[in-house]
Amino acid sequence: MSTKQLLAEIERGIKSLEKARALCLKGEAASSKAKPTATKASPAKTAKATNRSAKKAGKGGMSAEGRARIVAAQQKRWAKVKREKSKAAKAAKAALALPAAK
């Protein structure tokens, strides 16, 4: 196949692709006009989606109140563990002290 033939074949391919693209765009425009406006996303919804994705892109996606609740719950859990640990230590110390007193 010569270079001229190859270029001619590429040109035919390009033209057919451009026709297909034009038909798709034409069909897309007609279908978007036929859709009722209620199914389209309102500007407020798209703004919320944009803000949500912008927040997610930033550092963390949790509010300060949410973090504070988590911190308080974790501190409460650790305080409970620490209390139980100290009670167990006192009980063990008392158990060791009793036999020595006998």
Protein backbone atom coordinates (compact mmCIF):
# COMPACT_ATOMS: atom_id res chain seq x y z
CA MET A 1 0.00 0.00 0.00
CA SER A 2 1.45 3.33 -1.02
CA THR A 3 1.55 6.40 1.17
CA LYS A 4 -1.14 8.15 -0.93
CA GLN A 5 -3.48 5.20 -0.58
CA LEU A 6 -2.84 5.04 3.16
CA LEU A 7 -3.56 8.74 3.57
CA ALA A 8 -6.72 8.45 1.47
CA GLU A 9 -7.93 5.57 3.67
CA ILE A 10 -7.21 7.60 6.83
CA GLU A 11 -9.14 10.57 5.39
CA ARG A 12 -12.15 8.34 4.64
CA GLY A 13 -12.00 7.01 8.19
CA ILE A 14 -11.82 10.51 9.63
CA LYS A 15 -14.81 11.66 7.56
CA SER A 16 -16.90 8.67 8.62
CA LEU A 17 -16.01 9.29 12.27
CA GLU A 18 -16.93 12.97 11.96
CA LYS A 19 -20.31 12.00 10.48
CA ALA A 20 -20.91 9.55 13.31
CA ARG A 21 -19.95 12.21 15.86
CA ALA A 22 -22.31 14.74 14.29
CA LEU A 23 -25.15 12.21 14.39
CA CYS A 24 -24.46 11.42 18.02
CA LEU A 25 -24.37 15.08 18.98
CA LYS A 26 -27.56 15.71 17.04
CA GLY A 27 -29.28 12.79 18.77
CA GLU A 28 -27.98 13.90 22.16
CA ALA A 29 -29.35 17.41 21.68
CA ALA A 30 -32.74 16.06 20.63
CA SER A 31 -32.92 13.63 23.56
CA SER A 32 -31.96 16.30 26.10
CA LYS A 33 -34.73 18.56 24.80
CA ALA A 34 -37.25 15.73 25.07
CA LYS A 35 -36.45 15.04 28.74
CA PRO A 36 -38.64 16.78 31.31
CA THR A 37 -36.86 19.40 33.38
CA ALA A 38 -37.83 17.67 36.64
CA THR A 39 -35.30 14.90 36.02
CA LYS A 40 -32.43 17.33 35.54
CA ALA A 41 -30.34 18.08 38.59
CA SER A 42 -31.16 21.45 40.03
CA PRO A 43 -28.36 23.99 40.41
CA ALA A 44 -28.65 23.65 44.19
CA LYS A 45 -28.11 19.89 44.00
CA THR A 46 -25.09 20.26 41.75
CA ALA A 47 -23.69 22.94 44.06
CA LYS A 48 -24.11 20.60 47.04
CA ALA A 49 -22.38 17.82 45.16
CA THR A 50 -19.55 20.16 44.22
CA ASN A 51 -19.14 21.38 47.80
CA ARG A 52 -19.24 17.83 49.13
CA SER A 53 -16.52 16.69 46.76
CA ALA A 54 -14.45 19.78 47.59
CA LYS A 55 -14.72 19.01 51.31
CA LYS A 56 -13.70 15.40 50.73
CA ALA A 57 -10.69 16.56 48.74
CA GLY A 58 -9.57 18.64 51.73
CA LYS A 59 -8.13 17.32 54.96
CA GLY A 60 -10.70 15.12 56.65
CA GLY A 61 -14.42 15.08 56.15
CA MET A 62 -15.61 15.19 59.76
CA SER A 63 -17.02 18.11 61.66
CA ALA A 64 -15.40 19.44 64.82
CA GLU A 65 -18.45 18.32 66.84
CA GLY A 66 -18.12 14.79 65.47
CA ARG A 67 -14.44 14.64 66.35
CA ALA A 68 -15.20 15.96 69.84
CA ARG A 69 -17.82 13.24 70.40
CA ILE A 70 -15.37 10.56 69.29
CA VAL A 71 -12.63 11.95 71.56
CA ALA A 72 -15.00 12.05 74.55
CA ALA A 73 -16.16 8.47 73.94
CA GLN A 74 -12.57 7.24 73.57
CA GLN A 75 -11.49 9.00 76.77
CA LYS A 76 -14.44 7.42 78.58
CA ARG A 77 -13.44 3.95 77.30
CA TRP A 78 -9.81 4.41 78.35
CA ALA A 79 -10.86 5.70 81.78
CA LYS A 80 -12.96 2.55 82.26
CA VAL A 81 -10.03 0.33 81.23
CA LYS A 82 -7.69 2.23 83.54
CA ARG A 83 -10.13 1.91 86.48
CA GLU A 84 -10.49 -1.83 85.91
CA LYS A 85 -6.74 -2.21 85.63
CA SER A 86 -6.12 -0.35 88.89
CA LYS A 87 -8.84 -2.39 90.64
CA ALA A 88 -7.19 -5.59 89.45
CA ALA A 89 -3.79 -4.36 90.63
CA LYS A 90 -5.18 -3.45 94.08
CA ALA A 91 -6.90 -6.85 94.34
CA ALA A 92 -3.67 -8.64 93.41
CA LYS A 93 -1.69 -6.58 95.92
CA ALA A 94 -4.27 -7.34 98.62
CA ALA A 95 -4.15 -11.05 97.79
CA LEU A 96 -0.36 -11.03 98.15
CA ALA A 97 -0.52 -9.09 101.44
CA LEU A 98 -3.02 -11.44 103.13
CA PRO A 99 -0.93 -14.63 103.07
CA ALA A 100 2.09 -12.70 104.40
CA ALA A 101 0.05 -11.49 107.38
CA LYS A 102 -0.86 -15.07 108.45
